N, C-alpha and C. Protein backbone atom coordinates (compact mmCIF):
# COMPACT_ATOMS: atom_id res chain seq x y z
N MET A 1 19.69 100.37 -76.81
CA MET A 1 18.37 99.73 -76.82
C MET A 1 18.50 98.23 -76.98
N GLU A 2 19.51 97.78 -77.68
CA GLU A 2 19.70 96.35 -77.90
C GLU A 2 19.79 95.60 -76.57
N ASN A 3 20.58 96.13 -75.63
CA ASN A 3 20.71 95.48 -74.33
C ASN A 3 19.40 95.49 -73.57
N THR A 4 18.66 96.58 -73.66
CA THR A 4 17.35 96.67 -73.01
C THR A 4 16.40 95.65 -73.60
N GLU A 5 16.39 95.53 -74.91
CA GLU A 5 15.52 94.56 -75.57
C GLU A 5 15.88 93.13 -75.14
N GLU A 6 17.15 92.83 -75.08
CA GLU A 6 17.57 91.49 -74.65
C GLU A 6 17.16 91.21 -73.20
N LEU A 7 17.26 92.22 -72.35
CA LEU A 7 16.85 92.08 -70.95
C LEU A 7 15.34 91.87 -70.84
N VAL A 8 14.58 92.59 -71.66
CA VAL A 8 13.12 92.41 -71.69
C VAL A 8 12.78 90.98 -72.11
N LYS A 9 13.42 90.52 -73.18
CA LYS A 9 13.17 89.15 -73.67
C LYS A 9 13.49 88.12 -72.60
N ALA A 10 14.63 88.29 -71.91
CA ALA A 10 15.02 87.34 -70.86
C ALA A 10 14.03 87.36 -69.70
N THR A 11 13.52 88.53 -69.37
CA THR A 11 12.55 88.65 -68.28
C THR A 11 11.24 87.98 -68.66
N ILE A 12 10.80 88.17 -69.89
CA ILE A 12 9.57 87.52 -70.35
C ILE A 12 9.74 86.00 -70.35
N GLU A 13 10.93 85.53 -70.68
CA GLU A 13 11.19 84.08 -70.64
C GLU A 13 11.01 83.52 -69.23
N LYS A 14 11.31 84.32 -68.22
CA LYS A 14 11.12 83.88 -66.84
C LYS A 14 9.64 83.73 -66.48
N VAL A 15 8.81 84.55 -67.10
CA VAL A 15 7.36 84.57 -66.80
C VAL A 15 6.61 83.49 -67.57
N ARG A 16 7.07 83.16 -68.75
CA ARG A 16 6.35 82.25 -69.64
C ARG A 16 5.95 80.91 -69.01
N PRO A 17 6.80 80.26 -68.22
CA PRO A 17 6.38 78.97 -67.66
C PRO A 17 5.11 79.04 -66.79
N TYR A 18 4.91 80.16 -66.13
CA TYR A 18 3.71 80.32 -65.30
C TYR A 18 2.45 80.39 -66.15
N LEU A 19 2.55 81.10 -67.27
CA LEU A 19 1.41 81.18 -68.18
C LEU A 19 1.20 79.86 -68.90
N GLN A 20 2.31 79.21 -69.28
CA GLN A 20 2.21 77.93 -69.97
C GLN A 20 1.59 76.86 -69.08
N ALA A 21 1.81 76.96 -67.78
CA ALA A 21 1.23 75.99 -66.84
C ALA A 21 -0.30 76.07 -66.84
N ASP A 22 -0.83 77.23 -67.21
CA ASP A 22 -2.29 77.41 -67.30
C ASP A 22 -2.80 77.31 -68.73
N GLY A 23 -1.95 76.87 -69.64
CA GLY A 23 -2.35 76.68 -71.03
C GLY A 23 -2.22 77.90 -71.91
N GLY A 24 -1.58 78.95 -71.40
CA GLY A 24 -1.39 80.17 -72.18
C GLY A 24 0.07 80.38 -72.52
N ASP A 25 0.36 81.53 -73.08
CA ASP A 25 1.74 81.88 -73.40
C ASP A 25 1.81 83.36 -73.74
N VAL A 26 3.00 83.92 -73.61
CA VAL A 26 3.24 85.32 -73.97
C VAL A 26 4.51 85.37 -74.79
N GLN A 27 4.52 86.25 -75.80
CA GLN A 27 5.66 86.33 -76.71
C GLN A 27 6.01 87.80 -76.94
N PHE A 28 7.29 88.11 -76.81
CA PHE A 28 7.79 89.45 -77.10
C PHE A 28 7.61 89.75 -78.58
N VAL A 29 7.14 90.97 -78.90
CA VAL A 29 7.01 91.40 -80.29
C VAL A 29 8.00 92.51 -80.59
N LYS A 30 7.95 93.59 -79.79
CA LYS A 30 8.88 94.70 -80.04
C LYS A 30 8.94 95.61 -78.82
N LEU A 31 9.97 96.44 -78.82
CA LEU A 31 10.16 97.48 -77.80
C LEU A 31 10.22 98.80 -78.54
N GLU A 32 9.36 99.73 -78.14
CA GLU A 32 9.29 101.01 -78.83
C GLU A 32 9.03 102.13 -77.82
N ASP A 33 9.97 103.05 -77.67
CA ASP A 33 9.83 104.20 -76.77
C ASP A 33 9.48 103.79 -75.34
N GLY A 34 10.12 102.74 -74.85
CA GLY A 34 9.90 102.30 -73.48
C GLY A 34 8.67 101.45 -73.27
N VAL A 35 7.94 101.17 -74.35
CA VAL A 35 6.75 100.33 -74.27
C VAL A 35 7.07 98.97 -74.89
N VAL A 36 6.80 97.92 -74.11
CA VAL A 36 7.02 96.55 -74.58
C VAL A 36 5.70 96.05 -75.16
N TYR A 37 5.76 95.54 -76.38
CA TYR A 37 4.56 94.97 -77.01
C TYR A 37 4.69 93.46 -77.04
N VAL A 38 3.62 92.78 -76.60
CA VAL A 38 3.61 91.33 -76.55
C VAL A 38 2.34 90.79 -77.21
N GLN A 39 2.41 89.54 -77.60
CA GLN A 39 1.24 88.81 -78.05
C GLN A 39 1.00 87.69 -77.06
N VAL A 40 -0.26 87.34 -76.87
CA VAL A 40 -0.60 86.21 -76.01
C VAL A 40 -1.20 85.10 -76.87
N HIS A 41 -1.08 83.89 -76.38
CA HIS A 41 -1.54 82.72 -77.13
C HIS A 41 -2.25 81.75 -76.20
N GLY A 42 -2.90 80.77 -76.81
CA GLY A 42 -3.51 79.70 -76.04
C GLY A 42 -4.64 80.18 -75.14
N ALA A 43 -4.64 79.69 -73.92
CA ALA A 43 -5.71 79.99 -72.98
C ALA A 43 -5.78 81.47 -72.61
N CYS A 44 -4.73 82.22 -72.86
CA CYS A 44 -4.74 83.67 -72.57
C CYS A 44 -5.74 84.41 -73.46
N LEU A 45 -5.94 83.91 -74.67
CA LEU A 45 -6.86 84.55 -75.60
C LEU A 45 -8.28 84.42 -75.06
N GLY A 46 -8.91 85.53 -74.82
CA GLY A 46 -10.28 85.51 -74.32
C GLY A 46 -10.41 85.27 -72.83
N CYS A 47 -9.30 85.18 -72.12
CA CYS A 47 -9.35 84.94 -70.67
C CYS A 47 -9.78 86.21 -69.94
N ALA A 48 -10.70 86.06 -69.00
CA ALA A 48 -11.20 87.20 -68.23
C ALA A 48 -10.10 87.83 -67.37
N SER A 49 -9.07 87.07 -67.04
CA SER A 49 -7.98 87.57 -66.19
C SER A 49 -6.81 88.14 -66.98
N LEU A 50 -6.95 88.24 -68.29
CA LEU A 50 -5.82 88.67 -69.12
C LEU A 50 -5.30 90.05 -68.72
N ASP A 51 -6.18 91.02 -68.54
CA ASP A 51 -5.72 92.37 -68.18
C ASP A 51 -4.94 92.36 -66.88
N MET A 52 -5.45 91.64 -65.89
CA MET A 52 -4.77 91.56 -64.60
C MET A 52 -3.43 90.85 -64.74
N THR A 53 -3.41 89.76 -65.48
CA THR A 53 -2.17 89.01 -65.69
C THR A 53 -1.14 89.87 -66.40
N LEU A 54 -1.59 90.60 -67.40
CA LEU A 54 -0.67 91.43 -68.18
C LEU A 54 -0.13 92.59 -67.34
N LYS A 55 -1.01 93.32 -66.65
CA LYS A 55 -0.60 94.52 -65.92
C LYS A 55 0.04 94.21 -64.57
N GLU A 56 -0.57 93.32 -63.79
CA GLU A 56 -0.07 93.05 -62.45
C GLU A 56 0.97 91.93 -62.42
N GLY A 57 1.07 91.21 -63.51
CA GLY A 57 2.05 90.13 -63.59
C GLY A 57 3.21 90.50 -64.49
N VAL A 58 2.99 90.35 -65.79
CA VAL A 58 4.05 90.55 -66.77
C VAL A 58 4.62 91.98 -66.69
N GLU A 59 3.75 92.98 -66.74
CA GLU A 59 4.23 94.36 -66.74
C GLU A 59 5.01 94.68 -65.47
N GLN A 60 4.49 94.28 -64.34
CA GLN A 60 5.14 94.60 -63.07
C GLN A 60 6.54 93.99 -63.00
N ILE A 61 6.67 92.74 -63.41
CA ILE A 61 7.96 92.06 -63.38
C ILE A 61 8.95 92.71 -64.35
N VAL A 62 8.48 93.00 -65.57
CA VAL A 62 9.36 93.62 -66.56
C VAL A 62 9.80 95.00 -66.08
N MET A 63 8.88 95.79 -65.55
CA MET A 63 9.23 97.13 -65.08
C MET A 63 10.18 97.08 -63.88
N ASP A 64 10.03 96.08 -63.03
CA ASP A 64 10.92 95.92 -61.87
C ASP A 64 12.34 95.54 -62.30
N GLU A 65 12.45 94.73 -63.35
CA GLU A 65 13.75 94.19 -63.74
C GLU A 65 14.46 94.96 -64.85
N VAL A 66 13.72 95.76 -65.61
CA VAL A 66 14.33 96.45 -66.75
C VAL A 66 14.12 97.96 -66.62
N PRO A 67 15.20 98.71 -66.38
CA PRO A 67 15.08 100.16 -66.26
C PRO A 67 14.56 100.80 -67.55
N GLY A 68 13.72 101.81 -67.40
CA GLY A 68 13.25 102.57 -68.54
C GLY A 68 11.99 102.06 -69.21
N ILE A 69 11.45 100.95 -68.73
CA ILE A 69 10.21 100.42 -69.32
C ILE A 69 9.03 101.16 -68.71
N LYS A 70 8.15 101.66 -69.57
CA LYS A 70 6.98 102.43 -69.12
C LYS A 70 5.75 101.56 -68.97
N SER A 71 5.58 100.58 -69.85
CA SER A 71 4.41 99.71 -69.79
C SER A 71 4.61 98.50 -70.68
N VAL A 72 3.71 97.53 -70.50
CA VAL A 72 3.64 96.36 -71.37
C VAL A 72 2.24 96.35 -71.95
N GLU A 73 2.14 96.30 -73.27
CA GLU A 73 0.86 96.38 -73.96
C GLU A 73 0.69 95.20 -74.91
N LEU A 74 -0.55 94.84 -75.17
CA LEU A 74 -0.82 93.83 -76.18
C LEU A 74 -0.56 94.42 -77.55
N TYR A 75 0.07 93.66 -78.41
CA TYR A 75 0.37 94.09 -79.77
C TYR A 75 -0.83 93.78 -80.65
N ASN A 76 -1.30 94.81 -81.32
CA ASN A 76 -2.41 94.65 -82.24
C ASN A 76 -1.91 94.85 -83.65
N GLU A 77 -2.03 93.84 -84.46
CA GLU A 77 -1.51 93.91 -85.83
C GLU A 77 -2.36 94.78 -86.73
N LEU A 78 -3.58 95.04 -86.33
CA LEU A 78 -4.50 95.79 -87.20
C LEU A 78 -4.19 97.25 -87.22
């Protein structure tokens, strides 16, 4: 799992500049049972396109590059 987690983190690092260019950001939180949990920051918070960006952008890229990933979800601390 350690190698998978490192690969997920590296893949998210590739995506971050695109979100940062629009004033947002994404951060890896944890990997659990094939599900990647992330937090978003900045302009991503409250953005109407967040679901599309997360599912069709971040999730798609992570699933394409990292075997065994089932989904990417927002991490809720509550």
